[in-house]
N, C-alpha and C. Protein backbone atom coordinates (compact mmCIF):
# COMPACT_ATOMS: atom_id res chain seq x y z
N MET A 1 34.57 -6.29 -0.43
CA MET A 1 34.15 -7.20 -1.51
C MET A 1 32.92 -7.96 -1.08
N GLY A 2 31.91 -8.04 -1.95
CA GLY A 2 30.64 -8.67 -1.59
C GLY A 2 30.75 -10.17 -1.61
N PRO A 3 29.74 -10.88 -1.09
CA PRO A 3 29.72 -12.32 -1.06
C PRO A 3 29.56 -12.89 -2.45
N ASN A 4 29.93 -14.16 -2.63
CA ASN A 4 29.81 -14.82 -3.92
C ASN A 4 28.38 -15.26 -4.16
N PHE A 5 27.87 -14.95 -5.34
CA PHE A 5 26.52 -15.35 -5.72
C PHE A 5 26.60 -16.18 -6.98
N SER A 6 25.57 -16.97 -7.19
CA SER A 6 25.41 -17.62 -8.48
C SER A 6 24.98 -16.56 -9.47
N SER A 7 24.87 -16.93 -10.74
CA SER A 7 24.50 -15.94 -11.77
C SER A 7 23.17 -15.30 -11.48
N ALA A 8 22.29 -16.01 -10.78
CA ALA A 8 20.96 -15.45 -10.47
C ALA A 8 21.01 -14.49 -9.30
N ASP A 9 22.14 -14.49 -8.54
CA ASP A 9 22.20 -13.68 -7.33
C ASP A 9 23.39 -12.73 -7.35
N THR A 10 23.84 -12.37 -8.53
CA THR A 10 25.06 -11.57 -8.65
C THR A 10 24.93 -10.25 -7.91
N PHE A 11 25.97 -9.94 -7.13
CA PHE A 11 25.99 -8.66 -6.41
C PHE A 11 26.27 -7.55 -7.41
N VAL A 12 25.38 -6.57 -7.46
CA VAL A 12 25.56 -5.43 -8.36
C VAL A 12 26.08 -4.27 -7.55
N LYS A 13 27.29 -3.82 -7.88
CA LYS A 13 27.86 -2.68 -7.16
C LYS A 13 27.12 -1.42 -7.57
N PRO A 14 26.40 -0.79 -6.66
CA PRO A 14 25.60 0.38 -7.02
C PRO A 14 26.44 1.64 -7.06
N THR A 15 25.87 2.66 -7.65
CA THR A 15 26.48 3.98 -7.57
C THR A 15 26.07 4.57 -6.24
N ILE A 16 27.03 4.72 -5.32
CA ILE A 16 26.70 5.13 -3.96
C ILE A 16 26.47 6.63 -3.91
N ARG A 17 25.31 7.01 -3.41
CA ARG A 17 25.07 8.43 -3.22
C ARG A 17 25.44 8.78 -1.78
N VAL A 18 25.79 10.03 -1.56
CA VAL A 18 26.14 10.46 -0.21
C VAL A 18 24.90 10.38 0.66
N THR A 19 25.00 9.65 1.75
CA THR A 19 23.83 9.43 2.60
C THR A 19 24.16 9.87 4.02
N LEU A 20 23.72 11.05 4.39
CA LEU A 20 23.96 11.56 5.73
C LEU A 20 22.67 11.65 6.53
N MET A 21 21.60 11.07 6.02
CA MET A 21 20.32 11.00 6.69
C MET A 21 19.85 12.37 7.18
N PRO A 22 19.75 13.37 6.29
CA PRO A 22 19.31 14.69 6.71
C PRO A 22 17.82 14.76 6.98
N ASP A 23 17.04 13.81 6.49
CA ASP A 23 15.60 13.86 6.69
C ASP A 23 15.04 12.46 6.63
N ASP A 24 13.73 12.35 6.86
CA ASP A 24 13.09 11.05 6.96
C ASP A 24 12.98 10.33 5.63
N LYS A 25 13.31 11.00 4.50
CA LYS A 25 13.19 10.36 3.20
C LYS A 25 14.46 9.57 2.83
N THR A 26 15.54 9.72 3.63
CA THR A 26 16.76 9.00 3.36
C THR A 26 16.59 7.54 3.75
N LEU A 27 17.22 6.66 2.98
CA LEU A 27 17.10 5.24 3.26
C LEU A 27 17.70 4.89 4.61
N ASP A 28 17.00 4.03 5.35
CA ASP A 28 17.53 3.46 6.58
C ASP A 28 18.12 2.11 6.22
N TYR A 29 19.44 2.04 6.12
CA TYR A 29 20.08 0.82 5.66
C TYR A 29 19.84 -0.36 6.60
N TYR A 30 19.80 -0.11 7.89
CA TYR A 30 19.57 -1.20 8.83
C TYR A 30 18.16 -1.76 8.69
N GLU A 31 17.21 -0.87 8.50
CA GLU A 31 15.83 -1.32 8.30
C GLU A 31 15.69 -2.08 6.99
N LEU A 32 16.35 -1.59 5.94
CA LEU A 32 16.29 -2.26 4.65
C LEU A 32 16.79 -3.71 4.74
N LEU A 33 17.88 -3.90 5.47
CA LEU A 33 18.47 -5.24 5.59
C LEU A 33 17.89 -6.03 6.75
N GLN A 34 16.96 -5.40 7.50
CA GLN A 34 16.27 -6.07 8.60
C GLN A 34 17.24 -6.58 9.65
N VAL A 35 18.20 -5.73 10.00
CA VAL A 35 19.18 -6.08 11.02
C VAL A 35 19.26 -4.96 12.06
N SER A 36 19.79 -5.31 13.22
CA SER A 36 20.00 -4.33 14.28
C SER A 36 21.19 -3.45 13.93
N PRO A 37 21.22 -2.19 14.41
CA PRO A 37 22.39 -1.34 14.21
C PRO A 37 23.65 -1.94 14.85
N ASN A 38 23.47 -2.92 15.75
CA ASN A 38 24.61 -3.56 16.40
C ASN A 38 24.99 -4.88 15.73
N ALA A 39 24.39 -5.18 14.60
CA ALA A 39 24.61 -6.48 13.95
C ALA A 39 26.06 -6.65 13.52
N GLU A 40 26.55 -7.90 13.65
CA GLU A 40 27.90 -8.24 13.20
C GLU A 40 27.94 -8.31 11.68
N ALA A 41 29.15 -8.24 11.14
CA ALA A 41 29.33 -8.24 9.69
C ALA A 41 28.77 -9.50 9.04
N ASP A 42 28.97 -10.68 9.70
CA ASP A 42 28.48 -11.91 9.08
C ASP A 42 26.96 -11.98 9.06
N THR A 43 26.31 -11.37 10.06
CA THR A 43 24.84 -11.31 10.09
C THR A 43 24.34 -10.43 8.95
N ILE A 44 24.98 -9.30 8.76
CA ILE A 44 24.60 -8.40 7.67
C ILE A 44 24.76 -9.09 6.33
N GLN A 45 25.87 -9.81 6.16
CA GLN A 45 26.09 -10.52 4.90
C GLN A 45 25.03 -11.59 4.67
N ARG A 46 24.71 -12.33 5.73
CA ARG A 46 23.73 -13.42 5.60
C ARG A 46 22.35 -12.88 5.22
N LEU A 47 21.93 -11.81 5.89
CA LEU A 47 20.61 -11.24 5.57
C LEU A 47 20.60 -10.61 4.19
N TYR A 48 21.72 -10.00 3.82
CA TYR A 48 21.77 -9.42 2.47
C TYR A 48 21.62 -10.51 1.41
N ARG A 49 22.34 -11.62 1.57
CA ARG A 49 22.24 -12.71 0.60
C ARG A 49 20.80 -13.20 0.47
N LEU A 50 20.13 -13.34 1.61
CA LEU A 50 18.75 -13.82 1.60
C LEU A 50 17.83 -12.85 0.87
N LEU A 51 17.94 -11.57 1.21
CA LEU A 51 17.05 -10.57 0.62
C LEU A 51 17.39 -10.30 -0.84
N ALA A 52 18.69 -10.33 -1.16
CA ALA A 52 19.10 -10.10 -2.55
C ALA A 52 18.56 -11.20 -3.45
N HIS A 53 18.55 -12.43 -2.95
CA HIS A 53 18.00 -13.54 -3.74
C HIS A 53 16.49 -13.33 -3.97
N ARG A 54 15.81 -12.86 -2.93
CA ARG A 54 14.36 -12.67 -3.03
C ARG A 54 14.00 -11.57 -4.01
N PHE A 55 14.77 -10.48 -4.01
CA PHE A 55 14.39 -9.31 -4.81
C PHE A 55 15.21 -9.14 -6.08
N HIS A 56 16.08 -10.08 -6.38
CA HIS A 56 16.86 -9.99 -7.61
C HIS A 56 15.92 -9.90 -8.82
N PRO A 57 16.20 -9.01 -9.77
CA PRO A 57 15.31 -8.86 -10.93
C PRO A 57 15.06 -10.15 -11.70
N ASP A 58 15.99 -11.11 -11.63
CA ASP A 58 15.81 -12.38 -12.33
C ASP A 58 14.83 -13.32 -11.63
N ASN A 59 14.47 -12.98 -10.41
CA ASN A 59 13.51 -13.81 -9.67
C ASN A 59 12.10 -13.45 -10.13
N GLN A 60 11.48 -14.34 -10.89
CA GLN A 60 10.19 -14.03 -11.51
C GLN A 60 9.06 -13.93 -10.49
N GLU A 61 9.22 -14.53 -9.34
CA GLU A 61 8.14 -14.52 -8.35
C GLU A 61 8.15 -13.26 -7.49
N SER A 62 9.33 -12.83 -7.08
CA SER A 62 9.38 -11.70 -6.14
C SER A 62 10.43 -10.65 -6.50
N GLY A 63 10.95 -10.70 -7.72
CA GLY A 63 11.99 -9.75 -8.13
C GLY A 63 11.51 -8.31 -8.12
N ASN A 64 12.39 -7.42 -7.69
CA ASN A 64 12.07 -5.99 -7.63
C ASN A 64 13.38 -5.23 -7.82
N GLU A 65 13.58 -4.65 -8.99
CA GLU A 65 14.87 -4.03 -9.32
C GLU A 65 15.21 -2.87 -8.40
N VAL A 66 14.22 -2.04 -8.10
CA VAL A 66 14.47 -0.89 -7.24
C VAL A 66 14.87 -1.34 -5.84
N ARG A 67 14.11 -2.30 -5.30
CA ARG A 67 14.42 -2.80 -3.97
C ARG A 67 15.79 -3.49 -3.96
N PHE A 68 16.10 -4.23 -5.01
CA PHE A 68 17.39 -4.92 -5.08
C PHE A 68 18.54 -3.92 -5.06
N ARG A 69 18.42 -2.83 -5.79
CA ARG A 69 19.49 -1.83 -5.83
C ARG A 69 19.60 -1.11 -4.48
N GLU A 70 18.49 -0.88 -3.81
CA GLU A 70 18.54 -0.29 -2.48
C GLU A 70 19.26 -1.21 -1.50
N LEU A 71 18.95 -2.50 -1.59
CA LEU A 71 19.63 -3.48 -0.74
C LEU A 71 21.13 -3.52 -1.02
N SER A 72 21.48 -3.46 -2.31
CA SER A 72 22.89 -3.49 -2.69
C SER A 72 23.61 -2.25 -2.18
N GLU A 73 22.94 -1.12 -2.24
CA GLU A 73 23.52 0.12 -1.73
C GLU A 73 23.75 0.01 -0.22
N ALA A 74 22.73 -0.51 0.49
CA ALA A 74 22.85 -0.66 1.94
C ALA A 74 24.00 -1.59 2.29
N TYR A 75 24.10 -2.71 1.57
CA TYR A 75 25.17 -3.67 1.86
C TYR A 75 26.54 -3.09 1.55
N ALA A 76 26.65 -2.33 0.46
CA ALA A 76 27.93 -1.74 0.10
C ALA A 76 28.45 -0.82 1.19
N VAL A 77 27.56 -0.12 1.87
CA VAL A 77 27.96 0.79 2.95
C VAL A 77 28.23 0.02 4.24
N LEU A 78 27.29 -0.83 4.64
CA LEU A 78 27.41 -1.50 5.94
C LEU A 78 28.46 -2.60 5.96
N SER A 79 28.88 -3.08 4.81
CA SER A 79 29.92 -4.11 4.78
C SER A 79 31.32 -3.50 4.75
N ASP A 80 31.40 -2.18 4.61
CA ASP A 80 32.68 -1.48 4.60
C ASP A 80 32.83 -0.78 5.95
N PRO A 81 33.77 -1.21 6.80
CA PRO A 81 33.89 -0.65 8.15
C PRO A 81 34.00 0.87 8.19
N GLU A 82 34.76 1.44 7.26
CA GLU A 82 34.95 2.89 7.27
C GLU A 82 33.66 3.61 6.88
N ARG A 83 33.00 3.14 5.82
CA ARG A 83 31.74 3.75 5.41
C ARG A 83 30.67 3.56 6.48
N ARG A 84 30.65 2.38 7.09
CA ARG A 84 29.65 2.12 8.12
C ARG A 84 29.84 3.04 9.32
N ALA A 85 31.08 3.28 9.70
CA ALA A 85 31.35 4.17 10.83
C ALA A 85 30.85 5.58 10.55
N ARG A 86 31.07 6.07 9.34
CA ARG A 86 30.58 7.41 8.98
C ARG A 86 29.05 7.43 8.96
N TYR A 87 28.47 6.37 8.40
CA TYR A 87 27.02 6.30 8.33
C TYR A 87 26.41 6.24 9.72
N ASP A 88 27.03 5.49 10.64
CA ASP A 88 26.48 5.33 11.98
C ASP A 88 26.42 6.66 12.73
N VAL A 89 27.41 7.52 12.52
CA VAL A 89 27.38 8.83 13.18
C VAL A 89 26.12 9.60 12.78
N ALA A 90 25.87 9.65 11.46
CA ALA A 90 24.69 10.35 10.97
C ALA A 90 23.41 9.63 11.37
N TYR A 91 23.45 8.29 11.36
CA TYR A 91 22.27 7.48 11.68
C TYR A 91 21.80 7.75 13.10
N HIS A 92 22.72 7.72 14.06
CA HIS A 92 22.33 7.90 15.46
C HIS A 92 21.92 9.34 15.74
N GLN A 93 22.55 10.30 15.08
CA GLN A 93 22.13 11.69 15.24
C GLN A 93 20.73 11.90 14.69
N HIS A 94 20.45 11.26 13.56
CA HIS A 94 19.14 11.37 12.94
C HIS A 94 18.06 10.81 13.85
N ARG A 95 18.32 9.66 14.45
CA ARG A 95 17.34 9.05 15.36
C ARG A 95 17.13 9.92 16.59
N LYS A 96 18.19 10.52 17.07
CA LYS A 96 18.07 11.42 18.22
C LYS A 96 17.19 12.61 17.89
N ASP A 97 17.40 13.19 16.70
CA ASP A 97 16.61 14.34 16.28
C ASP A 97 15.15 13.98 16.09
N ARG A 98 14.88 12.78 15.57
CA ARG A 98 13.50 12.36 15.32
C ARG A 98 12.70 12.25 16.60
N TRP A 99 13.34 11.82 17.67
CA TRP A 99 12.61 11.60 18.92
C TRP A 99 12.74 12.75 19.91
N ARG A 100 13.33 13.85 19.46
CA ARG A 100 13.48 14.99 20.35
C ARG A 100 12.13 15.52 20.83
N LEU A 101 11.11 15.37 20.03
CA LEU A 101 9.76 15.84 20.38
C LEU A 101 9.28 15.23 21.69
N VAL A 102 9.65 13.99 21.96
CA VAL A 102 9.14 13.28 23.14
C VAL A 102 9.50 14.00 24.42
N SER A 103 10.67 14.65 24.45
CA SER A 103 11.13 15.27 25.69
C SER A 103 11.09 16.79 25.65
N SER A 104 10.27 17.36 24.80
CA SER A 104 10.27 18.82 24.63
C SER A 104 9.26 19.53 25.53
N GLY A 105 8.66 18.83 26.51
CA GLY A 105 7.82 19.46 27.52
C GLY A 105 6.63 20.20 26.97
N SER A 106 6.50 21.47 27.35
CA SER A 106 5.33 22.25 26.96
C SER A 106 5.24 22.42 25.46
N GLN A 107 6.40 22.43 24.78
CA GLN A 107 6.38 22.54 23.32
C GLN A 107 5.66 21.36 22.70
N THR A 108 5.81 20.18 23.31
CA THR A 108 5.12 19.00 22.83
C THR A 108 3.61 19.20 22.89
N GLU A 109 3.14 19.76 23.99
CA GLU A 109 1.71 20.01 24.13
C GLU A 109 1.24 20.98 23.06
N ASP A 110 2.03 22.00 22.77
CA ASP A 110 1.68 22.96 21.73
C ASP A 110 1.60 22.27 20.37
N ASN A 111 2.56 21.38 20.08
CA ASN A 111 2.57 20.67 18.81
C ASN A 111 1.36 19.76 18.67
N PHE A 112 1.00 19.09 19.75
CA PHE A 112 -0.18 18.23 19.72
C PHE A 112 -1.43 19.05 19.42
N ALA A 113 -1.57 20.19 20.10
CA ALA A 113 -2.73 21.04 19.89
C ALA A 113 -2.77 21.57 18.47
N LEU A 114 -1.59 21.94 17.94
CA LEU A 114 -1.54 22.45 16.57
C LEU A 114 -1.93 21.37 15.57
N GLU A 115 -1.46 20.16 15.80
CA GLU A 115 -1.80 19.05 14.91
C GLU A 115 -3.30 18.78 14.93
N GLN A 116 -3.92 18.81 16.11
CA GLN A 116 -5.36 18.60 16.21
C GLN A 116 -6.11 19.68 15.43
N MET A 117 -5.61 20.91 15.51
CA MET A 117 -6.25 22.01 14.79
C MET A 117 -6.15 21.79 13.28
N PHE A 118 -5.00 21.36 12.81
CA PHE A 118 -4.83 21.14 11.38
C PHE A 118 -5.70 19.98 10.89
N ARG A 119 -5.87 18.94 11.70
CA ARG A 119 -6.74 17.83 11.30
C ARG A 119 -8.15 18.33 11.06
N LEU A 120 -8.64 19.13 12.00
CA LEU A 120 -10.00 19.63 11.86
C LEU A 120 -10.11 20.65 10.73
N SER A 121 -9.07 21.44 10.51
CA SER A 121 -9.10 22.40 9.42
C SER A 121 -9.13 21.68 8.07
N LEU A 122 -8.39 20.58 7.97
CA LEU A 122 -8.41 19.79 6.74
C LEU A 122 -9.78 19.18 6.51
N LEU A 123 -10.37 18.65 7.58
CA LEU A 123 -11.72 18.10 7.47
C LEU A 123 -12.72 19.19 7.07
N GLU A 124 -12.52 20.38 7.61
CA GLU A 124 -13.42 21.49 7.29
C GLU A 124 -13.35 21.84 5.80
N ALA A 125 -12.13 21.82 5.24
CA ALA A 125 -11.96 22.11 3.82
C ALA A 125 -12.68 21.07 2.96
N LEU A 126 -12.53 19.79 3.32
CA LEU A 126 -13.18 18.73 2.56
C LEU A 126 -14.69 18.71 2.79
N TYR A 127 -15.11 19.05 3.98
CA TYR A 127 -16.55 19.15 4.29
C TYR A 127 -17.20 20.23 3.41
N THR A 128 -16.54 21.39 3.35
CA THR A 128 -17.08 22.50 2.56
C THR A 128 -17.13 22.13 1.08
N ARG A 129 -16.10 21.44 0.63
CA ARG A 129 -16.05 21.03 -0.78
C ARG A 129 -17.20 20.07 -1.10
N ARG A 130 -17.42 19.10 -0.22
CA ARG A 130 -18.50 18.13 -0.48
C ARG A 130 -19.87 18.79 -0.41
N ARG A 131 -20.04 19.72 0.53
CA ARG A 131 -21.34 20.35 0.70
C ARG A 131 -21.67 21.30 -0.45
N LEU A 132 -20.67 22.04 -0.93
CA LEU A 132 -20.91 23.03 -1.98
C LEU A 132 -20.79 22.45 -3.38
N GLU A 133 -19.98 21.39 -3.54
CA GLU A 133 -19.79 20.78 -4.86
C GLU A 133 -19.93 19.26 -4.75
N PRO A 134 -21.15 18.79 -4.50
CA PRO A 134 -21.37 17.35 -4.28
C PRO A 134 -20.98 16.48 -5.47
N ASP A 135 -20.96 17.04 -6.67
CA ASP A 135 -20.56 16.26 -7.84
C ASP A 135 -19.04 16.17 -8.00
N SER A 136 -18.33 16.99 -7.24
CA SER A 136 -16.86 16.98 -7.29
C SER A 136 -16.33 17.25 -5.88
N PRO A 137 -16.49 16.27 -4.98
CA PRO A 137 -16.20 16.51 -3.57
C PRO A 137 -14.75 16.29 -3.15
N THR A 138 -13.85 16.15 -4.11
CA THR A 138 -12.47 15.77 -3.78
C THR A 138 -11.49 16.92 -3.95
N LEU A 139 -10.35 16.79 -3.26
CA LEU A 139 -9.27 17.75 -3.39
C LEU A 139 -7.95 16.98 -3.41
N PHE A 140 -7.00 17.47 -4.19
CA PHE A 140 -5.65 16.89 -4.18
C PHE A 140 -4.90 17.37 -2.94
N SER A 141 -3.92 16.59 -2.54
CA SER A 141 -3.09 16.97 -1.38
C SER A 141 -2.42 18.31 -1.62
N THR A 142 -2.00 18.57 -2.86
CA THR A 142 -1.34 19.84 -3.17
C THR A 142 -2.28 21.02 -2.98
N GLU A 143 -3.57 20.82 -3.28
CA GLU A 143 -4.55 21.89 -3.07
C GLU A 143 -4.72 22.17 -1.58
N LEU A 144 -4.76 21.10 -0.79
CA LEU A 144 -4.90 21.27 0.65
C LEU A 144 -3.65 21.92 1.25
N GLU A 145 -2.51 21.57 0.71
CA GLU A 145 -1.26 22.17 1.17
C GLU A 145 -1.30 23.68 0.99
N SER A 146 -1.81 24.12 -0.15
CA SER A 146 -1.90 25.56 -0.42
C SER A 146 -2.97 26.21 0.46
N MET A 147 -4.10 25.54 0.62
CA MET A 147 -5.20 26.11 1.41
C MET A 147 -4.84 26.25 2.88
N LEU A 148 -4.14 25.25 3.42
CA LEU A 148 -3.83 25.24 4.85
C LEU A 148 -2.51 25.94 5.16
N GLY A 149 -1.70 26.18 4.13
CA GLY A 149 -0.41 26.82 4.37
C GLY A 149 0.52 25.97 5.19
N ARG A 150 0.46 24.67 4.97
CA ARG A 150 1.28 23.74 5.76
C ARG A 150 2.23 22.98 4.86
N PRO A 151 3.50 22.80 5.27
CA PRO A 151 4.46 22.06 4.45
C PRO A 151 3.98 20.65 4.16
N ARG A 152 4.32 20.14 3.00
CA ARG A 152 3.86 18.82 2.58
C ARG A 152 4.25 17.72 3.55
N GLU A 153 5.49 17.79 4.07
CA GLU A 153 5.94 16.72 4.96
C GLU A 153 5.13 16.68 6.26
N HIS A 154 4.61 17.83 6.70
CA HIS A 154 3.76 17.86 7.89
C HIS A 154 2.34 17.42 7.55
N LEU A 155 1.89 17.80 6.38
CA LEU A 155 0.54 17.45 5.96
C LEU A 155 0.40 15.94 5.77
N GLU A 156 1.48 15.27 5.39
CA GLU A 156 1.44 13.83 5.17
C GLU A 156 1.03 13.09 6.44
N PHE A 157 1.53 13.54 7.59
CA PHE A 157 1.17 12.90 8.85
C PHE A 157 -0.31 13.10 9.15
N THR A 158 -0.78 14.32 8.93
CA THR A 158 -2.20 14.62 9.17
C THR A 158 -3.10 13.74 8.30
N ILE A 159 -2.75 13.62 7.03
CA ILE A 159 -3.55 12.81 6.11
C ILE A 159 -3.49 11.34 6.50
N TRP A 160 -2.31 10.88 6.87
CA TRP A 160 -2.18 9.48 7.31
C TRP A 160 -3.11 9.19 8.48
N TYR A 161 -3.14 10.07 9.46
CA TYR A 161 -3.99 9.87 10.64
C TYR A 161 -5.47 9.83 10.24
N LEU A 162 -5.89 10.78 9.42
CA LEU A 162 -7.30 10.84 9.03
C LEU A 162 -7.72 9.63 8.19
N LEU A 163 -6.79 9.13 7.36
CA LEU A 163 -7.09 7.92 6.59
C LEU A 163 -7.22 6.71 7.50
N GLN A 164 -6.32 6.60 8.48
CA GLN A 164 -6.37 5.47 9.40
C GLN A 164 -7.65 5.46 10.22
N LYS A 165 -8.12 6.63 10.59
CA LYS A 165 -9.36 6.75 11.36
C LYS A 165 -10.61 6.68 10.48
N LYS A 166 -10.39 6.61 9.16
CA LYS A 166 -11.49 6.55 8.19
C LYS A 166 -12.35 7.82 8.20
N PHE A 167 -11.71 8.95 8.55
CA PHE A 167 -12.39 10.24 8.47
C PHE A 167 -12.33 10.80 7.05
N VAL A 168 -11.33 10.35 6.28
CA VAL A 168 -11.22 10.70 4.87
C VAL A 168 -10.89 9.44 4.09
N THR A 169 -11.08 9.51 2.79
CA THR A 169 -10.72 8.41 1.91
C THR A 169 -10.15 8.98 0.62
N ARG A 170 -9.55 8.13 -0.19
CA ARG A 170 -9.00 8.56 -1.47
C ARG A 170 -9.78 7.93 -2.61
N ASP A 171 -9.89 8.66 -3.72
CA ASP A 171 -10.49 8.07 -4.91
C ASP A 171 -9.40 7.43 -5.75
N ASP A 172 -9.73 6.97 -6.95
CA ASP A 172 -8.75 6.25 -7.76
C ASP A 172 -7.67 7.15 -8.34
N GLN A 173 -7.79 8.47 -8.13
CA GLN A 173 -6.75 9.40 -8.55
C GLN A 173 -5.99 9.99 -7.36
N SER A 174 -6.17 9.33 -6.19
CA SER A 174 -5.50 9.74 -4.94
C SER A 174 -5.99 11.08 -4.40
N ARG A 175 -7.15 11.54 -4.88
CA ARG A 175 -7.73 12.75 -4.33
C ARG A 175 -8.46 12.40 -3.04
N LEU A 176 -8.51 13.35 -2.12
CA LEU A 176 -9.10 13.11 -0.81
C LEU A 176 -10.53 13.60 -0.76
N MET A 177 -11.36 12.86 -0.01
CA MET A 177 -12.73 13.30 0.24
C MET A 177 -13.13 12.91 1.65
N ILE A 178 -14.00 13.68 2.24
CA ILE A 178 -14.44 13.41 3.60
C ILE A 178 -15.48 12.29 3.61
N THR A 179 -15.48 11.50 4.69
CA THR A 179 -16.46 10.43 4.86
C THR A 179 -17.53 10.88 5.85
N ALA A 180 -18.55 10.05 6.03
CA ALA A 180 -19.60 10.36 7.00
C ALA A 180 -19.01 10.42 8.41
N ASP A 181 -18.08 9.53 8.72
CA ASP A 181 -17.41 9.58 10.02
C ASP A 181 -16.62 10.87 10.18
N GLY A 182 -16.03 11.34 9.08
CA GLY A 182 -15.30 12.59 9.12
C GLY A 182 -16.21 13.78 9.38
N VAL A 183 -17.39 13.75 8.79
CA VAL A 183 -18.38 14.81 9.03
C VAL A 183 -18.76 14.84 10.51
N ASP A 184 -19.02 13.66 11.08
CA ASP A 184 -19.37 13.59 12.50
C ASP A 184 -18.23 14.13 13.37
N GLN A 185 -17.00 13.74 13.03
CA GLN A 185 -15.84 14.20 13.80
C GLN A 185 -15.71 15.71 13.75
N LEU A 186 -15.90 16.29 12.59
CA LEU A 186 -15.80 17.74 12.44
C LEU A 186 -16.90 18.44 13.21
N GLU A 187 -18.13 17.99 13.07
CA GLU A 187 -19.25 18.66 13.72
C GLU A 187 -19.15 18.57 15.24
N GLN A 188 -18.60 17.45 15.74
CA GLN A 188 -18.47 17.29 17.19
C GLN A 188 -17.36 18.17 17.77
N ASN A 189 -16.38 18.52 16.95
CA ASN A 189 -15.22 19.25 17.46
C ASN A 189 -15.04 20.63 16.85
N TYR A 190 -15.97 21.06 16.04
CA TYR A 190 -15.80 22.31 15.30
C TYR A 190 -15.65 23.51 16.22
N ARG A 191 -16.47 23.61 17.25
CA ARG A 191 -16.43 24.78 18.14
C ARG A 191 -15.09 24.86 18.87
N ALA A 192 -14.59 23.71 19.31
CA ALA A 192 -13.29 23.69 19.99
C ALA A 192 -12.19 24.15 19.05
N ASN A 193 -12.28 23.77 17.78
CA ASN A 193 -11.27 24.17 16.81
C ASN A 193 -11.32 25.67 16.56
N GLU A 194 -12.52 26.24 16.51
CA GLU A 194 -12.65 27.68 16.33
C GLU A 194 -12.00 28.42 17.50
N GLN A 195 -12.16 27.91 18.71
CA GLN A 195 -11.57 28.55 19.87
C GLN A 195 -10.04 28.47 19.82
N ARG A 196 -9.50 27.33 19.36
CA ARG A 196 -8.05 27.19 19.25
C ARG A 196 -7.47 28.19 18.25
N ARG A 197 -8.17 28.36 17.11
CA ARG A 197 -7.67 29.27 16.09
C ARG A 197 -7.76 30.72 16.54
N ALA A 198 -8.67 31.02 17.46
CA ALA A 198 -8.84 32.39 17.92
C ALA A 198 -7.79 32.79 18.93
N LEU A 199 -7.20 31.82 19.63
CA LEU A 199 -6.24 32.12 20.69
C LEU A 199 -5.02 32.89 20.21
N PRO A 200 -4.35 32.48 19.13
CA PRO A 200 -3.18 33.24 18.69
C PRO A 200 -3.49 34.68 18.34
N ALA A 201 -4.66 34.91 17.73
CA ALA A 201 -5.05 36.26 17.36
C ALA A 201 -5.25 37.13 18.59
N LYS A 202 -5.84 36.56 19.66
CA LYS A 202 -6.07 37.32 20.88
C LYS A 202 -4.77 37.65 21.59
N ALA A 203 -3.79 36.77 21.43
CA ALA A 203 -2.53 36.95 22.13
C ALA A 203 -1.55 37.84 21.38
N SER A 204 -1.82 38.14 20.10
CA SER A 204 -0.87 38.91 19.30
C SER A 204 -0.94 40.39 19.66
N PRO A 205 0.19 41.13 19.52
CA PRO A 205 0.20 42.57 19.85
C PRO A 205 -0.81 43.35 19.04
N ALA A 206 -1.06 42.95 17.81
CA ALA A 206 -1.97 43.70 16.95
C ALA A 206 -3.38 43.71 17.49
N SER A 207 -3.71 42.69 18.29
CA SER A 207 -5.08 42.59 18.78
C SER A 207 -5.24 43.28 20.12
N LEU A 208 -4.13 43.79 20.70
CA LEU A 208 -4.22 44.43 22.01
C LEU A 208 -4.50 45.92 21.86
């Protein structure tokens, strides 16, 4: 049973979806409530009350219905010992899987090299687009996904990095375009990228 609220802070019992944290898009209930996975029940309740008041749809200054329902869902699970125990099993396994890359040795080095290659390949696609079609130098993420043959969830990391480094930017329709810094980055590293892409072909049986 949830804590008592005034009419402005009424706890809304959400429709609970099965949450086994199979991927990074699943809600992290502990992060939502801003508590440690080791938090006591009273701490979880106190933080929930605070955040629920802030994001309640009736709060004209900071109300957010979607966020409020997410918070209510998180509290409904974490305030129930049995549900929380089931959630914690999946939660800790998920965190373990997410950080497995750190200890994967030589595979980690391969992943780093592959990511660097994809960054430059994405820049190359945008560079070519700007050079050949200066009046329409942008591409949607879905177009790049098809061109590079890379899953969207992997491409998102690549795009995030390039945006943070200001090698690419987005227009008002979220289309991507290369910047002057991106052009410099590509030109400085283009030859190394060509060599990386040639290595798998040289190592394949078909090329022997």
